[in-house]
N, C-alpha and C. Protein backbone atom coordinates (compact mmCIF):
# COMPACT_ATOMS: atom_id res chain seq x y z
N MET A 1 1.11 -23.17 178.60
CA MET A 1 -0.07 -22.59 179.43
C MET A 1 0.28 -21.79 180.73
N GLU A 2 1.18 -21.36 180.08
CA GLU A 2 1.70 -20.03 180.55
C GLU A 2 1.06 -19.10 181.03
N LYS A 3 0.91 -18.89 182.33
CA LYS A 3 0.16 -17.43 183.24
C LYS A 3 1.18 -16.64 183.30
N THR A 4 1.23 -15.17 183.19
CA THR A 4 1.31 -14.32 183.88
C THR A 4 0.59 -13.15 185.06
N GLY A 5 1.57 -13.56 186.48
CA GLY A 5 0.97 -12.76 187.61
C GLY A 5 -0.36 -13.63 188.21
N ALA A 6 -0.05 -15.23 188.07
CA ALA A 6 -1.23 -16.07 188.87
C ALA A 6 -0.57 -16.36 190.02
N SER A 7 -1.65 -16.39 190.66
CA SER A 7 -1.29 -16.30 192.41
C SER A 7 -0.99 -17.81 192.64
N HIS A 8 -0.49 -18.36 193.68
CA HIS A 8 0.82 -19.26 194.09
C HIS A 8 -0.52 -20.86 194.18
N GLU A 9 -1.67 -20.11 194.29
CA GLU A 9 -3.17 -21.13 194.57
C GLU A 9 -3.01 -21.24 192.79
N GLU A 10 -3.49 -20.88 192.40
CA GLU A 10 -3.91 -20.96 190.54
C GLU A 10 -2.50 -22.24 189.99
N THR A 11 -1.48 -21.59 190.22
CA THR A 11 -0.12 -22.56 189.90
C THR A 11 -0.48 -23.84 190.81
N LEU A 12 -0.50 -23.90 191.63
CA LEU A 12 -1.03 -25.16 192.29
C LEU A 12 -2.09 -25.70 191.85
N LEU A 13 -3.32 -25.03 191.55
CA LEU A 13 -4.49 -25.72 190.67
C LEU A 13 -3.79 -26.48 188.92
N ASP A 14 -3.19 -25.63 188.78
CA ASP A 14 -2.59 -26.13 186.68
C ASP A 14 -1.59 -27.24 187.40
N ILE A 15 -1.19 -27.15 188.18
CA ILE A 15 -0.37 -28.84 188.56
C ILE A 15 -0.91 -29.65 188.67
N ALA A 16 -2.25 -28.99 189.76
CA ALA A 16 -2.92 -30.55 190.13
C ALA A 16 -3.69 -31.21 189.31
N GLU A 17 -4.43 -30.37 187.88
CA GLU A 17 -5.01 -30.49 186.83
C GLU A 17 -4.22 -31.71 185.70
N GLN A 18 -3.06 -30.44 185.90
CA GLN A 18 -1.30 -31.47 185.21
C GLN A 18 -1.29 -33.32 185.70
N GLY A 19 -1.65 -32.64 187.21
CA GLY A 19 -1.52 -34.87 187.09
C GLY A 19 -3.22 -35.53 187.65
N GLU A 20 -3.60 -34.52 186.84
CA GLU A 20 -4.86 -35.46 187.15
C GLU A 20 -5.48 -35.74 185.77
N ALA A 21 -4.77 -35.13 184.44
CA ALA A 21 -5.14 -34.73 183.26
C ALA A 21 -4.65 -36.32 183.14
N CYS A 22 -3.04 -36.29 183.38
CA CYS A 22 -2.48 -37.20 183.13
C CYS A 22 -2.49 -38.31 184.01
N ALA A 23 -2.94 -38.23 184.96
CA ALA A 23 -3.33 -39.47 185.66
C ALA A 23 -4.80 -40.10 185.30
N THR A 24 -5.56 -39.35 184.63
CA THR A 24 -6.77 -39.96 183.60
C THR A 24 -6.32 -40.52 182.33
N GLY A 25 -5.60 -39.76 181.48
CA GLY A 25 -4.87 -40.71 180.08
C GLY A 25 -5.34 -38.87 179.61
N SER A 26 -6.30 -38.18 180.14
CA SER A 26 -6.42 -37.13 179.21
C SER A 26 -5.04 -36.03 178.08
N HIS A 27 -4.13 -36.01 179.11
CA HIS A 27 -3.45 -35.64 178.28
C HIS A 27 -2.46 -36.24 177.69
N HIS A 28 -2.44 -35.99 176.04
CA HIS A 28 -2.45 -36.22 174.90
C HIS A 28 -2.85 -38.07 174.51
N GLY A 29 -3.48 -38.15 175.56
CA GLY A 29 -3.20 -40.14 175.17
C GLY A 29 -2.57 -40.95 176.50
N ARG A 30 -1.75 -40.31 177.34
CA ARG A 30 -1.12 -40.22 177.64
C ARG A 30 -1.20 -40.93 179.56
N ARG A 31 -0.56 -41.97 180.17
CA ARG A 31 -0.85 -42.32 181.44
C ARG A 31 0.66 -42.57 182.05
N SER A 32 0.15 -42.31 183.43
CA SER A 32 1.43 -42.38 184.08
C SER A 32 1.77 -43.83 184.65
N HIS A 33 2.58 -44.33 184.94
CA HIS A 33 3.66 -46.26 185.34
C HIS A 33 4.22 -46.55 186.45
N HIS A 34 2.53 -45.87 187.24
CA HIS A 34 3.17 -45.87 188.64
C HIS A 34 3.22 -46.80 189.58
N SER A 35 4.31 -47.62 190.15
CA SER A 35 4.25 -48.96 190.72
C SER A 35 2.85 -48.57 191.79
N ASP A 36 2.43 -49.60 192.69
CA ASP A 36 1.25 -49.01 192.92
C ASP A 36 2.12 -48.45 194.74
N GLU A 37 3.42 -49.45 194.66
CA GLU A 37 3.90 -48.83 196.20
C GLU A 37 4.08 -47.41 196.05
N MET A 38 4.78 -46.68 194.80
CA MET A 38 4.50 -45.16 194.73
C MET A 38 3.46 -44.07 194.86
N LYS A 39 2.51 -44.91 194.42
CA LYS A 39 1.56 -44.51 194.52
C LYS A 39 0.85 -44.27 196.24
N THR A 40 0.97 -45.53 196.64
CA THR A 40 0.50 -45.27 198.01
C THR A 40 1.36 -44.32 198.52
N ASN A 41 2.81 -44.42 198.21
CA ASN A 41 3.52 -42.81 199.09
C ASN A 41 3.18 -41.88 198.86
N LEU A 42 3.16 -41.47 197.50
CA LEU A 42 2.74 -40.35 196.76
C LEU A 42 1.32 -39.95 197.57
N VAL A 43 0.08 -40.71 198.02
CA VAL A 43 -0.88 -40.20 198.10
C VAL A 43 -1.24 -40.45 200.18
N ARG A 44 -0.08 -40.81 200.89
CA ARG A 44 -0.17 -40.93 202.44
C ARG A 44 0.50 -39.94 202.36
N ARG A 45 1.32 -39.34 201.04
CA ARG A 45 2.11 -38.29 201.36
C ARG A 45 1.13 -36.70 201.78
N LEU A 46 0.43 -37.31 200.36
CA LEU A 46 -0.94 -35.83 200.57
C LEU A 46 -1.85 -36.34 200.93
N ASN A 47 -2.37 -36.93 201.62
CA ASN A 47 -3.06 -36.76 202.60
C ASN A 47 -2.44 -35.83 204.06
N ARG A 48 -0.78 -35.98 203.80
CA ARG A 48 -0.35 -35.53 205.28
C ARG A 48 -0.54 -33.63 205.49
N VAL A 49 -0.02 -34.28 203.59
CA VAL A 49 -0.23 -32.39 203.85
C VAL A 49 -1.69 -31.54 203.53
N GLU A 50 -2.22 -32.93 203.18
CA GLU A 50 -3.86 -32.15 203.23
C GLU A 50 -4.11 -32.25 205.18
N GLY A 51 -3.71 -33.02 206.17
CA GLY A 51 -3.94 -32.56 207.25
C GLY A 51 -3.46 -31.34 207.48
N GLN A 52 -2.35 -31.25 207.41
CA GLN A 52 -1.12 -30.04 207.82
C GLN A 52 -2.24 -28.69 206.99
N ILE A 53 -2.79 -28.18 206.17
CA ILE A 53 -3.48 -27.19 205.78
C ILE A 53 -4.65 -27.41 205.99
N ARG A 54 -5.32 -28.13 206.24
CA ARG A 54 -6.77 -28.39 206.93
C ARG A 54 -6.25 -28.21 209.05
N GLY A 55 -5.20 -28.31 209.34
CA GLY A 55 -4.56 -27.57 210.57
C GLY A 55 -3.87 -26.13 210.42
N ILE A 56 -3.83 -25.62 209.38
CA ILE A 56 -3.70 -24.55 209.25
C ILE A 56 -5.00 -23.32 209.29
N LYS A 57 -5.75 -23.47 208.31
CA LYS A 57 -6.66 -23.44 208.24
C LYS A 57 -7.08 -23.06 210.12
N GLY A 58 -7.38 -24.23 210.65
CA GLY A 58 -7.51 -24.36 212.12
C GLY A 58 -6.88 -23.34 212.42
N MET A 59 -5.36 -23.03 212.85
CA MET A 59 -4.95 -22.07 213.04
C MET A 59 -5.03 -21.10 212.86
N ILE A 60 -5.52 -20.44 211.80
CA ILE A 60 -5.88 -19.39 211.26
C ILE A 60 -7.66 -18.68 211.98
N GLU A 61 -8.17 -20.22 211.84
CA GLU A 61 -9.64 -19.70 212.12
C GLU A 61 -9.45 -19.48 213.98
N LYS A 62 -8.92 -19.30 214.90
CA LYS A 62 -8.43 -19.71 216.29
C LYS A 62 -7.50 -18.56 216.63
N ASP A 63 -7.36 -18.04 215.16
CA ASP A 63 -5.92 -16.46 216.15
C ASP A 63 -4.69 -16.80 216.50
N THR A 64 -4.09 -17.83 215.88
CA THR A 64 -3.04 -18.31 216.45
C THR A 64 -1.87 -17.23 216.41
N TYR A 65 -0.91 -17.22 216.77
CA TYR A 65 0.54 -16.65 216.21
C TYR A 65 0.95 -16.46 215.28
N CYS A 66 1.20 -15.42 214.37
CA CYS A 66 1.02 -15.31 213.14
C CYS A 66 2.60 -16.24 212.62
N ASP A 67 3.72 -15.91 213.75
CA ASP A 67 4.40 -16.77 213.71
C ASP A 67 4.31 -18.37 213.39
N ASP A 68 3.33 -19.12 214.11
CA ASP A 68 3.34 -20.20 214.69
C ASP A 68 2.36 -20.26 213.72
N VAL A 69 1.95 -19.94 212.68
CA VAL A 69 1.10 -19.97 211.84
C VAL A 69 1.85 -20.49 209.98
N LEU A 70 2.90 -19.22 209.98
CA LEU A 70 3.62 -18.89 208.90
C LEU A 70 4.88 -20.36 208.88
N ASN A 71 4.90 -20.93 210.13
CA ASN A 71 6.11 -21.75 210.34
C ASN A 71 4.96 -23.36 209.98
N GLN A 72 4.00 -23.50 210.26
CA GLN A 72 3.52 -24.31 209.59
C GLN A 72 2.96 -24.70 208.12
N ILE A 73 3.19 -23.17 207.29
CA ILE A 73 3.09 -23.19 206.00
C ILE A 73 4.34 -23.74 205.57
N ALA A 74 5.20 -22.72 205.90
CA ALA A 74 6.64 -23.62 205.43
C ALA A 74 7.04 -25.21 205.25
N ALA A 75 6.41 -25.85 207.00
CA ALA A 75 6.07 -27.28 207.08
C ALA A 75 5.35 -27.95 205.44
N ALA A 76 4.38 -27.24 205.54
CA ALA A 76 3.45 -28.30 204.29
C ALA A 76 4.36 -27.79 203.04
N GLN A 77 4.77 -26.23 202.91
CA GLN A 77 4.82 -26.13 201.60
C GLN A 77 6.52 -27.07 201.01
N SER A 78 7.28 -27.36 202.30
CA SER A 78 8.10 -28.27 202.19
C SER A 78 7.71 -29.72 201.62
N ALA A 79 6.84 -30.35 202.01
CA ALA A 79 5.87 -31.15 202.09
C ALA A 79 5.34 -31.68 200.97
N LEU A 80 4.97 -30.73 200.16
CA LEU A 80 4.67 -30.97 199.26
C LEU A 80 5.31 -30.40 197.59
N ASN A 81 6.52 -30.02 198.32
CA ASN A 81 7.77 -30.20 197.04
C ASN A 81 8.50 -30.57 197.29
N SER A 82 8.18 -31.64 198.32
CA SER A 82 8.60 -33.45 198.56
C SER A 82 8.57 -34.35 197.65
N VAL A 83 7.40 -33.97 197.83
CA VAL A 83 6.03 -35.20 196.83
C VAL A 83 5.80 -34.98 195.23
N GLY A 84 6.31 -33.36 195.00
CA GLY A 84 6.54 -33.16 193.33
C GLY A 84 8.43 -33.80 193.40
N ARG A 85 9.66 -33.58 194.15
CA ARG A 85 10.41 -33.86 193.53
C ARG A 85 10.68 -36.10 193.52
N LEU A 86 9.89 -36.62 193.99
CA LEU A 86 9.41 -37.76 194.10
C LEU A 86 8.77 -38.20 192.32
N LEU A 87 7.57 -37.10 192.62
CA LEU A 87 7.26 -37.42 191.22
C LEU A 87 8.01 -37.17 190.28
N LEU A 88 8.24 -36.11 190.09
CA LEU A 88 10.16 -35.41 188.71
C LEU A 88 10.61 -37.01 188.88
N GLU A 89 10.96 -37.56 190.08
CA GLU A 89 12.28 -38.01 189.41
C GLU A 89 11.64 -39.54 188.95
N GLY A 90 10.65 -39.66 189.28
CA GLY A 90 9.99 -40.56 188.55
C GLY A 90 9.17 -40.45 187.01
N HIS A 91 8.71 -39.25 187.11
CA HIS A 91 8.70 -38.94 185.45
C HIS A 91 9.69 -39.56 184.57
N MET A 92 11.20 -38.67 185.20
CA MET A 92 12.12 -38.46 184.56
C MET A 92 12.38 -40.42 183.91
N LYS A 93 12.74 -40.95 185.57
CA LYS A 93 13.03 -42.44 185.22
C LYS A 93 11.97 -42.82 183.83
N SER A 94 11.07 -43.06 184.09
CA SER A 94 10.51 -43.73 183.07
C SER A 94 9.46 -43.10 182.07
N CYS A 95 8.56 -42.00 182.16
CA CYS A 95 8.26 -41.56 180.54
C CYS A 95 9.02 -40.42 179.53
N VAL A 96 9.73 -39.93 180.62
CA VAL A 96 10.73 -39.08 179.85
C VAL A 96 11.57 -40.60 178.65
N ILE A 97 12.30 -40.70 179.73
CA ILE A 97 13.39 -42.12 179.27
C ILE A 97 12.55 -42.55 178.01
N GLU A 98 11.05 -43.12 178.33
CA GLU A 98 10.41 -43.98 177.53
C GLU A 98 10.66 -42.76 176.05
N ARG A 99 10.00 -41.83 175.75
CA ARG A 99 9.48 -41.23 175.19
C ARG A 99 10.67 -40.14 174.18
N ILE A 100 11.91 -40.60 174.95
CA ILE A 100 12.98 -39.92 174.18
C ILE A 100 13.44 -41.09 173.71
N GLU A 101 13.47 -42.14 174.06
CA GLU A 101 13.48 -43.07 173.16
C GLU A 101 12.53 -43.96 171.92
N ALA A 102 11.84 -43.12 172.55
CA ALA A 102 10.74 -43.77 170.88
C ALA A 102 10.85 -42.22 169.97
N GLY A 103 11.63 -41.39 170.06
CA GLY A 103 12.08 -39.89 168.91
C GLY A 103 11.28 -38.87 169.40
N GLU A 104 10.29 -38.93 170.70
CA GLU A 104 9.47 -37.90 171.29
C GLU A 104 10.28 -36.99 171.94
N ASN A 105 10.99 -36.41 171.13
CA ASN A 105 11.97 -35.55 172.08
C ASN A 105 11.58 -33.77 172.42
N GLU A 106 10.59 -33.60 172.01
CA GLU A 106 9.66 -32.16 172.24
C GLU A 106 9.49 -32.92 174.00
N VAL A 107 9.52 -34.12 174.76
CA VAL A 107 9.16 -34.61 175.86
C VAL A 107 10.32 -33.44 176.57
N ILE A 108 11.65 -33.78 176.32
CA ILE A 108 12.69 -32.14 176.89
C ILE A 108 11.91 -30.86 177.34
N ASP A 109 11.31 -30.36 176.67
CA ASP A 109 10.35 -29.17 176.57
C ASP A 109 9.70 -28.77 177.48
N GLU A 110 8.59 -29.97 177.07
CA GLU A 110 7.54 -30.10 178.56
C GLU A 110 7.72 -29.81 179.49
N LEU A 111 9.22 -30.94 179.74
CA LEU A 111 10.13 -31.74 180.56
C LEU A 111 10.42 -30.14 181.25
N LEU A 112 11.03 -29.17 180.77
CA LEU A 112 11.86 -28.28 181.46
C LEU A 112 10.85 -27.20 181.97
N ILE A 113 9.98 -27.16 180.91
CA ILE A 113 8.42 -26.13 181.38
C ILE A 113 7.71 -26.45 182.65
N THR A 114 8.46 -28.08 182.62
CA THR A 114 7.37 -28.10 183.90
C THR A 114 8.39 -28.05 185.26
N ILE A 115 9.47 -28.23 185.34
CA ILE A 115 10.35 -27.65 185.85
C ILE A 115 10.70 -26.40 186.58
N ASN A 116 10.49 -25.70 185.37
CA ASN A 116 10.10 -24.16 185.54
C ASN A 116 8.84 -23.63 186.68
N LYS A 117 7.86 -24.83 186.60
CA LYS A 117 6.59 -24.26 186.95
C LYS A 117 6.83 -24.27 188.79
N LEU A 118 7.87 -25.97 188.77
CA LEU A 118 7.78 -26.14 190.47
C LEU A 118 8.51 -25.58 190.49
N LEU A 119 9.86 -24.99 190.58
CA LEU A 119 10.25 -23.87 190.75
C LEU A 119 10.80 -22.76 191.23
N LYS A 120 8.65 -22.43 190.83
CA LYS A 120 8.41 -21.10 190.82
C LYS A 120 7.95 -20.81 192.79
């Protein structure tokens, strides 16, 4: 699902759709195995990011000084990156290990593609 010239928003949408597919089990019939504590932590962090995005939108609507808006965007990106790192760590420690142990070595290529998307 490699897109050339995709906007940052499209890339985030792709990642979100993949996460949704994984959570619903529609991505190759697999599901995530997050503990309730991990899900609560991830949802709490994402709610915070969502609030930051709404705040940034409000800043734009109020003609807030550009540098202040840019700093808030950087903070929101950092928070979202933090969610991605937590999810990636959990994925590697559970899903990836399980699939390698099951002989599904293609998970390495899948993981590399995902890491490359996260690092863009």
